[in-house]
Amino acid sequence: MNTLTALVIGILGCATATSALAEPVDVNVVLAPTETIRMNFADGSQHFVALVRRDGVAEATGVFDGARVVEYGWHDINPPEGGDPLGYLELTNSNGDIAYLRWQVRAVFMGGKKGPPVVHGTWELVSGTGEFAQMRGLGALQIGPGAGPDRPERRYSLQGQILPR
């Protein structure tokens, strides 16, 4: 178990112990790119930076089931060295309430330049409207390739908890 995973599990354990009102979060969403601005480094590497917007609909348990999800992400990727993507997810539920989740991950290319990266990190509910206005949340995030032929989509899997402030 890596240090980041242990930290998230510890924090979630404390949150569980302190509040019976915590709502579990288990969200899976395939996000397809709708806008991309990309800069490729001209140094012979595969290093690139991309500002992306991706959209999708969540498959989830609880308050995020069926939510519209928009990613606003900054992806600094340098195969095979790694990558440090970060950004925000905007989740809008069926009531029109919005949750803003800040996320950050580390991408590690286990198979060098040829293999897809292993991407793990964290998310935090930092703001919201309606039912999310007085909520906080924290959890683990994993990003993987989508199922498309060129794999432009990404699958985001979030686990964790949200609870009142």
Protein backbone atom coordinates (compact mmCIF):
# COMPACT_ATOMS: atom_id res chain seq x y z
CA MET A 1 0.00 0.00 0.00
CA ASN A 2 1.48 3.36 -0.96
CA THR A 3 1.57 6.39 1.31
CA LEU A 4 -1.16 8.29 -0.58
CA THR A 5 -3.57 5.34 -0.35
CA ALA A 6 -2.82 4.89 3.36
CA LEU A 7 -3.45 8.60 3.97
CA VAL A 8 -6.81 8.53 2.17
CA ILE A 9 -7.89 5.36 4.02
CA GLY A 10 -6.88 6.94 7.35
CA ILE A 11 -8.78 10.15 6.65
CA LEU A 12 -11.85 8.23 5.52
CA GLY A 13 -11.66 6.07 8.63
CA CYS A 14 -11.64 9.17 10.84
CA ALA A 15 -14.58 10.64 8.92
CA THR A 16 -16.52 7.40 9.33
CA ALA A 17 -15.86 7.31 13.06
CA THR A 18 -16.94 10.91 13.58
CA SER A 19 -20.17 10.99 11.62
CA ALA A 20 -23.01 8.56 11.12
CA LEU A 21 -24.34 11.02 8.50
CA ALA A 22 -21.55 10.34 6.01
CA GLU A 23 -22.77 9.34 2.56
CA PRO A 24 -20.61 6.86 0.65
CA VAL A 25 -19.46 7.94 -2.80
CA ASP A 26 -18.93 5.37 -5.55
CA VAL A 27 -18.93 7.02 -8.97
CA ASN A 28 -17.89 5.71 -12.37
CA VAL A 29 -18.05 7.96 -15.39
CA VAL A 30 -16.65 7.80 -18.90
CA LEU A 31 -15.67 11.32 -19.96
CA ALA A 32 -15.36 12.15 -23.66
CA PRO A 33 -13.30 15.15 -24.78
CA THR A 34 -15.26 18.15 -26.06
CA GLU A 35 -12.44 20.73 -26.06
CA THR A 36 -8.66 20.37 -25.96
CA ILE A 37 -5.79 22.82 -26.13
CA ARG A 38 -2.51 20.96 -26.40
CA MET A 39 1.15 21.92 -26.46
CA ASN A 40 3.69 19.29 -27.56
CA PHE A 41 7.29 19.80 -26.51
CA ALA A 42 9.58 20.05 -29.58
CA ASP A 43 12.52 18.43 -27.80
CA GLY A 44 12.13 14.91 -29.19
CA SER A 45 10.29 13.67 -26.10
CA GLN A 46 6.62 12.74 -25.86
CA HIS A 47 6.08 15.42 -23.22
CA PHE A 48 2.88 17.41 -23.64
CA VAL A 49 0.56 19.66 -21.70
CA ALA A 50 -3.17 19.64 -22.40
CA LEU A 51 -6.02 21.75 -21.10
CA VAL A 52 -9.14 19.61 -21.57
CA ARG A 53 -12.86 19.67 -21.08
CA ARG A 54 -14.58 16.30 -21.01
CA ASP A 55 -18.28 15.47 -20.49
CA GLY A 56 -20.17 12.38 -19.35
CA VAL A 57 -22.97 10.99 -17.19
CA ALA A 58 -22.20 9.30 -13.86
CA GLU A 59 -23.11 5.76 -12.93
CA ALA A 60 -23.18 5.94 -9.17
CA THR A 61 -24.83 5.04 -5.92
CA GLY A 62 -26.49 7.80 -3.94
CA VAL A 63 -26.58 11.52 -4.71
CA PHE A 64 -24.43 11.40 -7.85
CA ASP A 65 -26.36 8.69 -9.75
CA GLY A 66 -27.15 10.05 -13.21
CA ALA A 67 -25.30 13.32 -12.56
CA ARG A 68 -23.90 15.24 -15.52
CA VAL A 69 -20.11 15.41 -15.09
CA VAL A 70 -17.79 17.96 -16.68
CA GLU A 71 -14.01 17.76 -16.24
CA TYR A 72 -11.85 20.87 -16.47
CA GLY A 73 -8.36 19.42 -16.40
CA TRP A 74 -4.70 20.33 -16.75
CA HIS A 75 -2.67 17.32 -17.89
CA ASP A 76 1.13 17.58 -17.76
CA ILE A 77 2.28 14.23 -19.18
CA ASN A 78 5.86 13.14 -19.91
CA PRO A 79 6.11 9.45 -20.95
CA PRO A 80 7.81 7.39 -19.68
CA GLU A 81 8.72 9.65 -16.73
CA GLY A 82 5.15 10.16 -15.49
CA GLY A 83 2.52 12.81 -15.27
CA ASP A 84 0.76 15.12 -12.85
CA PRO A 85 -2.81 15.83 -14.00
CA LEU A 86 -5.12 17.93 -11.84
CA GLY A 87 -8.35 19.84 -12.19
CA TYR A 88 -11.99 20.07 -11.21
CA LEU A 89 -15.03 17.91 -11.78
CA GLU A 90 -18.40 19.67 -11.87
CA LEU A 91 -21.21 17.22 -11.01
CA THR A 92 -24.79 18.41 -11.55
CA ASN A 93 -27.46 16.13 -10.09
CA SER A 94 -31.06 15.72 -11.27
CA ASN A 95 -32.18 18.58 -8.96
CA GLY A 96 -29.71 20.98 -10.60
CA ASP A 97 -27.49 21.06 -7.49
CA ILE A 98 -23.77 21.26 -8.29
CA ALA A 99 -20.80 19.70 -6.51
CA TYR A 100 -17.29 20.95 -7.32
CA LEU A 101 -14.60 18.33 -6.78
CA ARG A 102 -10.92 19.25 -6.94
CA TRP A 103 -8.77 16.30 -7.99
CA GLN A 104 -5.09 15.50 -8.36
CA VAL A 105 -3.40 12.33 -9.55
CA ARG A 106 0.01 10.88 -10.32
CA ALA A 107 0.47 8.95 -13.56
CA VAL A 108 3.18 6.28 -13.67
CA PHE A 109 4.07 4.51 -16.92
CA MET A 110 4.69 0.95 -15.75
CA GLY A 111 5.33 -0.35 -19.29
CA GLY A 112 7.50 2.54 -20.46
CA LYS A 113 6.35 4.65 -23.41
CA LYS A 114 4.28 1.79 -24.87
CA GLY A 115 2.01 0.93 -21.95
CA PRO A 116 -0.87 2.97 -20.58
CA PRO A 117 -0.14 4.78 -17.33
CA VAL A 118 -1.39 3.68 -13.93
CA VAL A 119 -3.17 6.76 -12.56
CA HIS A 120 -4.15 7.12 -8.89
CA GLY A 121 -4.89 10.12 -6.70
CA THR A 122 -7.43 11.92 -4.57
CA TRP A 123 -10.52 14.11 -4.89
CA GLU A 124 -12.05 16.62 -2.47
CA LEU A 125 -15.50 18.21 -2.49
CA VAL A 126 -14.55 21.88 -2.08
CA SER A 127 -17.75 23.76 -2.90
CA GLY A 128 -21.28 23.36 -4.13
CA THR A 129 -24.81 24.65 -4.51
CA GLY A 130 -28.12 23.37 -3.11
CA GLU A 131 -27.67 20.15 -1.15
CA PHE A 132 -23.88 20.34 -1.65
CA ALA A 133 -23.50 23.91 -0.28
CA GLN A 134 -22.72 22.74 3.26
CA MET A 135 -20.99 19.47 2.43
CA ARG A 136 -17.38 18.29 2.45
CA GLY A 137 -15.98 15.16 0.91
CA LEU A 138 -12.79 13.25 0.27
CA GLY A 139 -11.78 10.10 -1.48
CA ALA A 140 -9.63 8.14 -3.89
CA LEU A 141 -9.60 8.59 -7.67
CA GLN A 142 -8.41 6.29 -10.41
CA ILE A 143 -8.33 7.26 -14.10
CA GLY A 144 -8.16 4.70 -16.89
CA PRO A 145 -8.64 4.52 -20.63
CA GLY A 146 -12.10 4.50 -22.16
CA ALA A 147 -13.37 1.86 -24.55
CA GLY A 148 -13.18 3.90 -27.77
CA PRO A 149 -11.06 2.68 -30.73
CA ASP A 150 -8.55 5.54 -30.36
CA ARG A 151 -9.24 5.71 -26.60
CA PRO A 152 -9.86 9.45 -26.37
CA GLU A 153 -12.29 8.86 -23.50
CA ARG A 154 -11.21 8.40 -19.91
CA ARG A 155 -12.92 6.41 -17.16
CA TYR A 156 -12.93 8.17 -13.81
CA SER A 157 -13.64 6.03 -10.72
CA LEU A 158 -14.18 7.86 -7.43
CA GLN A 159 -14.68 6.30 -4.00
CA GLY A 160 -14.99 8.08 -0.70
CA GLN A 161 -17.49 9.93 1.47
CA ILE A 162 -19.30 13.23 1.73
CA LEU A 163 -20.76 14.63 4.93
CA PRO A 164 -22.07 17.89 6.38
CA ARG A 165 -19.49 20.55 7.30
